[in-house]
Amino acid sequence: MSLKRHLGQNLLVEGLATEKITIIKTIESKIAVVFLFRAREVLSNR
């Protein structure tokens, strides 16, 4: 019983960790896209 509960908690923690990682990655990719567009505008204005 306690072992099952322990495994369940581990899965829950791992799930939350992977969710956080994916959220961070999507934020990073959005920032990267914005940065690329800005860089393009700056280069085209020269």
PDB file of N, CA and C in Angstrom:
ATOM      1  N   MET A   1       0.836  -1.207   0.000  1.00  0.00           N
ATOM      2  CA  MET A   1       0.000   0.000   0.000  1.00  0.00           C
ATOM      3  C   MET A   1       0.870   1.256   0.000  1.00  0.00           C
ATOM      4  N   SER A   2       1.811   1.329   0.956  1.00  0.00           N
ATOM      5  CA  SER A   2       2.650   2.522   1.044  1.00  0.00           C
ATOM      6  C   SER A   2       3.553   2.635  -0.183  1.00  0.00           C
ATOM      7  N   LEU A   3       3.983   1.464  -0.703  1.00  0.00           N
ATOM      8  CA  LEU A   3       4.846   1.477  -1.889  1.00  0.00           C
ATOM      9  C   LEU A   3       4.069   2.037  -3.080  1.00  0.00           C
ATOM     10  N   LYS A   4       2.817   1.590  -3.210  1.00  0.00           N
ATOM     11  CA  LYS A   4       1.972   2.079  -4.309  1.00  0.00           C
ATOM     12  C   LYS A   4       1.786   3.589  -4.215  1.00  0.00           C
ATOM     13  N   ARG A   5       1.533   4.071  -3.012  1.00  0.00           N
ATOM     14  CA  ARG A   5       1.332   5.504  -2.810  1.00  0.00           C
ATOM     15  C   ARG A   5       2.610   6.264  -3.154  1.00  0.00           C
ATOM     16  N   HIS A   6       3.750   5.698  -2.751  1.00  0.00           N
ATOM     17  CA  HIS A   6       5.045   6.327  -3.026  1.00  0.00           C
ATOM     18  C   HIS A   6       5.263   6.444  -4.529  1.00  0.00           C
ATOM     19  N   LEU A   7       4.968   5.372  -5.271  1.00  0.00           N
ATOM     20  CA  LEU A   7       5.130   5.391  -6.726  1.00  0.00           C
ATOM     21  C   LEU A   7       4.189   6.413  -7.355  1.00  0.00           C
ATOM     22  N   GLY A   8       2.975   6.500  -6.829  1.00  0.00           N
ATOM     23  CA  GLY A   8       2.005   7.459  -7.344  1.00  0.00           C
ATOM     24  C   GLY A   8       2.500   8.882  -7.165  1.00  0.00           C
ATOM     25  N   GLN A   9       3.076   9.173  -5.986  1.00  0.00           N
ATOM     26  CA  GLN A   9       3.606  10.514  -5.731  1.00  0.00           C
ATOM     27  C   GLN A   9       4.762  10.814  -6.672  1.00  0.00           C
ATOM     28  N   ASN A  10       5.630   9.814  -6.902  1.00  0.00           N
ATOM     29  CA  ASN A  10       6.763  10.019  -7.806  1.00  0.00           C
ATOM     30  C   ASN A  10       6.275  10.350  -9.206  1.00  0.00           C
ATOM     31  N   LEU A  11       5.254   9.636  -9.672  1.00  0.00           N
ATOM     32  CA  LEU A  11       4.708   9.894 -11.006  1.00  0.00           C
ATOM     33  C   LEU A  11       4.117  11.296 -11.076  1.00  0.00           C
ATOM     34  N   LEU A  12       3.430  11.697 -10.013  1.00  0.00           N
ATOM     35  CA  LEU A  12       2.828  13.025  -9.970  1.00  0.00           C
ATOM     36  C   LEU A  12       3.905  14.098 -10.040  1.00  0.00           C
ATOM     37  N   VAL A  13       4.964  13.931  -9.252  1.00  0.00           N
ATOM     38  CA  VAL A  13       6.064  14.899  -9.237  1.00  0.00           C
ATOM     39  C   VAL A  13       6.728  14.965 -10.604  1.00  0.00           C
ATOM     40  N   GLU A  14       6.969  13.794 -11.212  1.00  0.00           N
ATOM     41  CA  GLU A  14       7.595  13.764 -12.538  1.00  0.00           C
ATOM     42  C   GLU A  14       6.701  14.444 -13.565  1.00  0.00           C
ATOM     43  N   GLY A  15       5.398  14.218 -13.474  1.00  0.00           N
ATOM     44  CA  GLY A  15       4.460  14.844 -14.402  1.00  0.00           C
ATOM     45  C   GLY A  15       4.492  16.357 -14.277  1.00  0.00           C
ATOM     46  N   LEU A  16       4.509  16.859 -13.039  1.00  0.00           N
ATOM     47  CA  LEU A  16       4.565  18.306 -12.822  1.00  0.00           C
ATOM     48  C   LEU A  16       5.870  18.874 -13.344  1.00  0.00           C
ATOM     49  N   ALA A  17       6.971  18.150 -13.140  1.00  0.00           N
ATOM     50  CA  ALA A  17       8.283  18.617 -13.590  1.00  0.00           C
ATOM     51  C   ALA A  17       8.318  18.718 -15.111  1.00  0.00           C
ATOM     52  N   THR A  18       7.803  17.695 -15.799  1.00  0.00           N
ATOM     53  CA  THR A  18       7.824  17.722 -17.262  1.00  0.00           C
ATOM     54  C   THR A  18       6.910  18.828 -17.784  1.00  0.00           C
ATOM     55  N   GLU A  19       5.785  19.057 -17.080  1.00  0.00           N
ATOM     56  CA  GLU A  19       4.874  20.121 -17.481  1.00  0.00           C
ATOM     57  C   GLU A  19       5.576  21.470 -17.388  1.00  0.00           C
ATOM     58  N   LYS A  20       6.302  21.686 -16.285  1.00  0.00           N
ATOM     59  CA  LYS A  20       7.042  22.939 -16.107  1.00  0.00           C
ATOM     60  C   LYS A  20       8.079  23.103 -17.202  1.00  0.00           C
ATOM     61  N   ILE A  21       8.771  22.011 -17.537  1.00  0.00           N
ATOM     62  CA  ILE A  21       9.814  22.068 -18.572  1.00  0.00           C
ATOM     63  C   ILE A  21       9.200  22.466 -19.914  1.00  0.00           C
ATOM     64  N   THR A  22       8.051  21.878 -20.256  1.00  0.00           N
ATOM     65  CA  THR A  22       7.425  22.206 -21.540  1.00  0.00           C
ATOM     66  C   THR A  22       6.960  23.655 -21.558  1.00  0.00           C
ATOM     67  N   ILE A  23       6.442  24.147 -20.425  1.00  0.00           N
ATOM     68  CA  ILE A  23       6.010  25.550 -20.347  1.00  0.00           C
ATOM     69  C   ILE A  23       7.209  26.463 -20.555  1.00  0.00           C
ATOM     70  N   ILE A  24       8.325  26.140 -19.890  1.00  0.00           N
ATOM     71  CA  ILE A  24       9.542  26.946 -20.028  1.00  0.00           C
ATOM     72  C   ILE A  24      10.017  26.924 -21.474  1.00  0.00           C
ATOM     73  N   LYS A  25       9.972  25.754 -22.100  1.00  0.00           N
ATOM     74  CA  LYS A  25      10.434  25.642 -23.491  1.00  0.00           C
ATOM     75  C   LYS A  25       9.566  26.463 -24.429  1.00  0.00           C
ATOM     76  N   THR A  26       8.245  26.457 -24.217  1.00  0.00           N
ATOM     77  CA  THR A  26       7.373  27.242 -25.091  1.00  0.00           C
ATOM     78  C   THR A  26       7.632  28.728 -24.900  1.00  0.00           C
ATOM     79  N   ILE A  27       7.863  29.150 -23.658  1.00  0.00           N
ATOM     80  CA  ILE A  27       8.176  30.560 -23.394  1.00  0.00           C
ATOM     81  C   ILE A  27       9.478  30.923 -24.095  1.00  0.00           C
ATOM     82  N   GLU A  28      10.481  30.049 -23.984  1.00  0.00           N
ATOM     83  CA  GLU A  28      11.774  30.308 -24.617  1.00  0.00           C
ATOM     84  C   GLU A  28      11.624  30.414 -26.129  1.00  0.00           C
ATOM     85  N   SER A  29      10.837  29.533 -26.728  1.00  0.00           N
ATOM     86  CA  SER A  29      10.673  29.569 -28.183  1.00  0.00           C
ATOM     87  C   SER A  29       9.938  30.839 -28.614  1.00  0.00           C
ATOM     88  N   LYS A  30       8.956  31.284 -27.810  1.00  0.00           N
ATOM     89  CA  LYS A  30       8.245  32.532 -28.133  1.00  0.00           C
ATOM     90  C   LYS A  30       9.209  33.707 -28.084  1.00  0.00           C
ATOM     91  N   ILE A  31      10.050  33.744 -27.052  1.00  0.00           N
ATOM     92  CA  ILE A  31      11.044  34.815 -26.928  1.00  0.00           C
ATOM     93  C   ILE A  31      11.985  34.777 -28.123  1.00  0.00           C
ATOM     94  N   ALA A  32      12.406  33.576 -28.510  1.00  0.00           N
ATOM     95  CA  ALA A  32      13.331  33.428 -29.641  1.00  0.00           C
ATOM     96  C   ALA A  32      12.688  33.958 -30.920  1.00  0.00           C
ATOM     97  N   VAL A  33      11.416  33.654 -31.141  1.00  0.00           N
ATOM     98  CA  VAL A  33      10.711  34.118 -32.342  1.00  0.00           C
ATOM     99  C   VAL A  33      10.635  35.643 -32.354  1.00  0.00           C
ATOM    100  N   VAL A  34      10.256  36.228 -31.218  1.00  0.00           N
ATOM    101  CA  VAL A  34      10.173  37.692 -31.119  1.00  0.00           C
ATOM    102  C   VAL A  34      11.539  38.306 -31.387  1.00  0.00           C
ATOM    103  N   PHE A  35      12.567  37.708 -30.798  1.00  0.00           N
ATOM    104  CA  PHE A  35      13.933  38.214 -30.974  1.00  0.00           C
ATOM    105  C   PHE A  35      14.342  38.177 -32.442  1.00  0.00           C
ATOM    106  N   LEU A  36      14.010  37.073 -33.119  1.00  0.00           N
ATOM    107  CA  LEU A  36      14.351  36.947 -34.539  1.00  0.00           C
ATOM    108  C   LEU A  36      13.638  38.011 -35.373  1.00  0.00           C
ATOM    109  N   PHE A  37      12.355  38.245 -35.085  1.00  0.00           N
ATOM    110  CA  PHE A  37      11.615  39.265 -35.832  1.00  0.00           C
ATOM    111  C   PHE A  37      12.217  40.644 -35.610  1.00  0.00           C
ATOM    112  N   ARG A  38      12.585  40.941 -34.360  1.00  0.00           N
ATOM    113  CA  ARG A  38      13.195  42.241 -34.047  1.00  0.00           C
ATOM    114  C   ARG A  38      14.511  42.400 -34.803  1.00  0.00           C
ATOM    115  N   ALA A  39      15.328  41.357 -34.771  1.00  0.00           N
ATOM    116  CA  ALA A  39      16.637  41.405 -35.439  1.00  0.00           C
ATOM    117  C   ALA A  39      16.445  41.637 -36.940  1.00  0.00           C
ATOM    118  N   ARG A  40      15.437  40.977 -37.513  1.00  0.00           N
ATOM    119  CA  ARG A  40      15.141  41.131 -38.940  1.00  0.00           C
ATOM    120  C   ARG A  40      14.760  42.571 -39.254  1.00  0.00           C
ATOM    121  N   GLU A  41      13.890  43.151 -38.422  1.00  0.00           N
ATOM    122  CA  GLU A  41      13.461  44.541 -38.629  1.00  0.00           C
ATOM    123  C   GLU A  41      14.654  45.478 -38.567  1.00  0.00           C
ATOM    124  N   VAL A  42      15.498  45.304 -37.572  1.00  0.00           N
ATOM    125  CA  VAL A  42      16.676  46.160 -37.411  1.00  0.00           C
ATOM    126  C   VAL A  42      17.583  46.046 -38.628  1.00  0.00           C
ATOM    127  N   LEU A  43      17.783  44.818 -39.098  1.00  0.00           N
ATOM    128  CA  LEU A  43      18.657  44.615 -40.260  1.00  0.00           C
ATOM    129  C   LEU A  43      18.046  45.209 -41.527  1.00  0.00           C
ATOM    130  N   SER A  44      16.744  45.091 -41.690  1.00  0.00           N
ATOM    131  CA  SER A  44      16.102  45.607 -42.905  1.00  0.00           C
ATOM    132  C   SER A  44      16.032  47.135 -42.897  1.00  0.00           C
ATOM    133  N   ASN A  45      16.037  47.752 -41.728  1.00  0.00           N
ATOM    134  CA  ASN A  45      15.983  49.215 -41.635  1.00  0.00           C
ATOM    135  C   ASN A  45      17.312  49.868 -41.988  1.00  0.00           C
ATOM    136  N   ARG A  46      18.390  49.106 -41.943  1.00  0.00           N
ATOM    137  CA  ARG A  46      19.710  49.692 -42.222  1.00  0.00           C
ATOM    138  C   ARG A  46      19.874  50.009 -43.687  1.00  0.00           C
TER     139      ARG A  46
END
